[in-house]
Amino acid sequence: MDQLIQGCFWESGLSRGDLTEAEWRVLKHLLPIEPENRGRGRPPEQNRSIINGILWRLRCGAPWRDVPPKYGS
């Protein structure tokens, strides 16, 4: 069963600790997306990968420079 679940994550491009669709649906409405509310940051469509990168770093305890490139720079 675990291999099946991991296989689903790999096929969808998600890693084990990445946000699920349900988690993202809840969280994305809490993030500012209007330009006047979000300041000079990255475009809002990158928010999910940025959050996944932060979560990866917190889980692994790795330095920022070791965060995988799939989460952005």
N, C-alpha and C. Protein backbone atom coordinates (compact mmCIF):
# COMPACT_ATOMS: atom_id res chain seq x y z
N MET A 1 0.82 -1.19 0.00
CA MET A 1 0.00 0.00 0.00
C MET A 1 0.87 1.26 0.00
N ASP A 2 1.93 1.29 0.85
CA ASP A 2 2.79 2.46 0.89
C ASP A 2 3.45 2.73 -0.46
N GLN A 3 3.83 1.65 -1.14
CA GLN A 3 4.46 1.83 -2.45
C GLN A 3 3.47 2.42 -3.44
N LEU A 4 2.21 2.03 -3.33
CA LEU A 4 1.19 2.57 -4.21
C LEU A 4 1.03 4.07 -3.96
N ILE A 5 0.98 4.47 -2.70
CA ILE A 5 0.83 5.88 -2.38
C ILE A 5 2.04 6.66 -2.85
N GLN A 6 3.25 6.16 -2.57
CA GLN A 6 4.44 6.85 -3.03
C GLN A 6 4.47 6.94 -4.54
N GLY A 7 4.03 5.89 -5.23
CA GLY A 7 3.98 5.92 -6.68
C GLY A 7 3.07 7.01 -7.19
N CYS A 8 1.96 7.22 -6.52
CA CYS A 8 1.02 8.28 -6.91
C CYS A 8 1.67 9.65 -6.74
N PHE A 9 2.43 9.84 -5.66
CA PHE A 9 3.09 11.11 -5.45
C PHE A 9 4.13 11.36 -6.54
N TRP A 10 4.93 10.33 -6.84
CA TRP A 10 5.97 10.53 -7.85
C TRP A 10 5.37 10.80 -9.22
N GLU A 11 4.27 10.12 -9.53
CA GLU A 11 3.65 10.33 -10.84
C GLU A 11 3.11 11.73 -10.97
N SER A 12 2.61 12.30 -9.88
CA SER A 12 2.04 13.64 -9.95
C SER A 12 3.09 14.72 -9.79
N GLY A 13 4.35 14.35 -9.56
CA GLY A 13 5.40 15.33 -9.39
C GLY A 13 5.52 15.83 -7.97
N LEU A 14 4.76 15.26 -7.05
CA LEU A 14 4.82 15.68 -5.66
C LEU A 14 5.80 14.81 -4.89
N SER A 15 6.40 15.39 -3.89
CA SER A 15 7.23 14.62 -2.97
C SER A 15 6.40 14.23 -1.78
N ARG A 16 6.93 13.38 -0.96
CA ARG A 16 6.20 12.82 0.16
C ARG A 16 5.60 13.88 1.07
N GLY A 17 6.29 14.96 1.37
CA GLY A 17 5.79 15.96 2.31
C GLY A 17 5.13 17.16 1.68
N ASP A 18 4.98 17.17 0.35
CA ASP A 18 4.37 18.33 -0.31
C ASP A 18 2.89 18.46 0.05
N LEU A 19 2.39 19.67 -0.10
CA LEU A 19 0.98 19.92 0.18
C LEU A 19 0.09 19.09 -0.73
N THR A 20 -0.94 18.51 -0.16
CA THR A 20 -1.92 17.79 -0.98
C THR A 20 -2.85 18.81 -1.63
N GLU A 21 -3.65 18.37 -2.57
CA GLU A 21 -4.61 19.27 -3.21
C GLU A 21 -5.57 19.87 -2.19
N ALA A 22 -6.05 19.06 -1.25
CA ALA A 22 -6.98 19.54 -0.23
C ALA A 22 -6.32 20.60 0.66
N GLU A 23 -5.08 20.36 1.07
CA GLU A 23 -4.37 21.33 1.90
C GLU A 23 -4.14 22.63 1.14
N TRP A 24 -3.78 22.52 -0.13
CA TRP A 24 -3.53 23.70 -0.94
C TRP A 24 -4.81 24.51 -1.16
N ARG A 25 -5.94 23.84 -1.37
CA ARG A 25 -7.21 24.54 -1.56
C ARG A 25 -7.54 25.42 -0.36
N VAL A 26 -7.23 24.94 0.84
CA VAL A 26 -7.49 25.72 2.05
C VAL A 26 -6.49 26.86 2.17
N LEU A 27 -5.23 26.57 1.94
CA LEU A 27 -4.17 27.54 2.18
C LEU A 27 -4.13 28.67 1.14
N LYS A 28 -4.40 28.37 -0.11
CA LYS A 28 -4.22 29.38 -1.16
C LYS A 28 -5.12 30.60 -0.97
N HIS A 29 -6.24 30.44 -0.31
CA HIS A 29 -7.13 31.58 -0.08
C HIS A 29 -6.64 32.47 1.05
N LEU A 30 -5.66 32.01 1.80
CA LEU A 30 -5.10 32.81 2.91
C LEU A 30 -3.90 33.64 2.46
N LEU A 31 -3.41 33.40 1.25
CA LEU A 31 -2.24 34.11 0.74
C LEU A 31 -2.68 35.29 -0.12
N PRO A 32 -1.99 36.43 0.00
CA PRO A 32 -2.36 37.59 -0.83
C PRO A 32 -2.01 37.35 -2.29
N ILE A 33 -2.98 37.57 -3.17
CA ILE A 33 -2.69 37.37 -4.59
C ILE A 33 -2.87 38.65 -5.41
N GLU A 34 -3.62 39.62 -4.88
CA GLU A 34 -3.78 40.87 -5.61
C GLU A 34 -2.48 41.66 -5.52
N PRO A 35 -2.02 42.23 -6.62
CA PRO A 35 -0.72 42.94 -6.63
C PRO A 35 -0.63 44.02 -5.55
N GLU A 36 -1.72 44.71 -5.28
CA GLU A 36 -1.67 45.79 -4.28
C GLU A 36 -1.54 45.25 -2.86
N ASN A 37 -1.86 43.97 -2.64
CA ASN A 37 -1.79 43.38 -1.30
C ASN A 37 -0.55 42.54 -1.06
N ARG A 38 0.15 42.14 -2.11
CA ARG A 38 1.24 41.18 -1.92
C ARG A 38 2.63 41.78 -2.01
N GLY A 39 2.75 43.02 -2.36
CA GLY A 39 4.07 43.63 -2.42
C GLY A 39 4.85 43.15 -3.63
N ARG A 40 6.18 43.28 -3.54
CA ARG A 40 7.05 42.95 -4.67
C ARG A 40 7.61 41.55 -4.49
N GLY A 41 6.82 40.57 -4.58
CA GLY A 41 7.30 39.20 -4.43
C GLY A 41 7.17 38.43 -5.71
N ARG A 42 7.23 37.15 -5.57
CA ARG A 42 7.05 36.28 -6.72
C ARG A 42 5.58 36.25 -7.14
N PRO A 43 5.32 35.90 -8.39
CA PRO A 43 3.92 35.78 -8.82
C PRO A 43 3.18 34.75 -7.98
N PRO A 44 1.90 34.96 -7.73
CA PRO A 44 1.15 34.06 -6.84
C PRO A 44 1.08 32.62 -7.30
N GLU A 45 1.22 32.36 -8.59
CA GLU A 45 1.14 30.98 -9.05
C GLU A 45 2.32 30.14 -8.57
N GLN A 46 3.37 30.78 -8.05
CA GLN A 46 4.52 30.04 -7.53
C GLN A 46 4.43 29.81 -6.02
N ASN A 47 3.39 30.30 -5.39
CA ASN A 47 3.27 30.18 -3.94
C ASN A 47 3.32 28.74 -3.46
N ARG A 48 2.67 27.84 -4.16
CA ARG A 48 2.61 26.45 -3.70
C ARG A 48 4.00 25.81 -3.69
N SER A 49 4.77 26.00 -4.74
CA SER A 49 6.10 25.40 -4.77
C SER A 49 7.02 26.04 -3.74
N ILE A 50 6.86 27.32 -3.50
CA ILE A 50 7.67 28.00 -2.48
C ILE A 50 7.35 27.43 -1.10
N ILE A 51 6.08 27.27 -0.79
CA ILE A 51 5.68 26.71 0.50
C ILE A 51 6.17 25.27 0.62
N ASN A 52 6.07 24.49 -0.44
CA ASN A 52 6.57 23.12 -0.41
C ASN A 52 8.09 23.10 -0.15
N GLY A 53 8.82 24.05 -0.73
CA GLY A 53 10.25 24.14 -0.49
C GLY A 53 10.56 24.49 0.96
N ILE A 54 9.79 25.39 1.54
CA ILE A 54 9.96 25.74 2.94
C ILE A 54 9.68 24.53 3.82
N LEU A 55 8.62 23.81 3.53
CA LEU A 55 8.29 22.62 4.30
C LEU A 55 9.38 21.55 4.16
N TRP A 56 9.94 21.40 2.95
CA TRP A 56 11.01 20.42 2.74
C TRP A 56 12.21 20.77 3.61
N ARG A 57 12.58 22.06 3.61
CA ARG A 57 13.72 22.50 4.40
C ARG A 57 13.49 22.27 5.89
N LEU A 58 12.30 22.58 6.37
CA LEU A 58 11.99 22.37 7.79
C LEU A 58 12.03 20.89 8.16
N ARG A 59 11.52 20.03 7.27
CA ARG A 59 11.52 18.60 7.53
C ARG A 59 12.93 18.04 7.58
N CYS A 60 13.77 18.47 6.64
CA CYS A 60 15.11 17.89 6.50
C CYS A 60 16.16 18.59 7.34
N GLY A 61 15.91 19.83 7.70
CA GLY A 61 16.90 20.58 8.46
C GLY A 61 18.11 20.97 7.62
N ALA A 62 17.95 21.00 6.31
CA ALA A 62 19.05 21.32 5.41
C ALA A 62 19.17 22.83 5.25
N PRO A 63 20.35 23.31 4.85
CA PRO A 63 20.50 24.74 4.56
C PRO A 63 19.71 25.10 3.29
N TRP A 64 19.40 26.38 3.16
CA TRP A 64 18.60 26.83 2.00
C TRP A 64 19.26 26.44 0.69
N ARG A 65 20.57 26.49 0.62
CA ARG A 65 21.25 26.19 -0.65
C ARG A 65 21.06 24.74 -1.10
N ASP A 66 20.63 23.85 -0.18
CA ASP A 66 20.44 22.45 -0.52
C ASP A 66 19.00 22.09 -0.87
N VAL A 67 18.11 23.07 -0.86
CA VAL A 67 16.72 22.81 -1.23
C VAL A 67 16.70 22.42 -2.71
N PRO A 68 15.99 21.34 -3.09
CA PRO A 68 15.97 20.89 -4.49
C PRO A 68 15.47 21.99 -5.43
N PRO A 69 16.05 22.07 -6.62
CA PRO A 69 15.67 23.11 -7.58
C PRO A 69 14.20 23.11 -7.98
N LYS A 70 13.52 21.98 -7.83
CA LYS A 70 12.10 21.94 -8.24
C LYS A 70 11.23 22.88 -7.42
N TYR A 71 11.74 23.33 -6.26
CA TYR A 71 10.99 24.26 -5.41
C TYR A 71 11.31 25.71 -5.73
N GLY A 72 12.17 25.97 -6.65
CA GLY A 72 12.53 27.34 -7.03
C GLY A 72 13.81 27.78 -6.35
N SER A 73 14.27 28.94 -6.73
CA SER A 73 15.53 29.44 -6.15
C SER A 73 15.28 30.27 -4.91
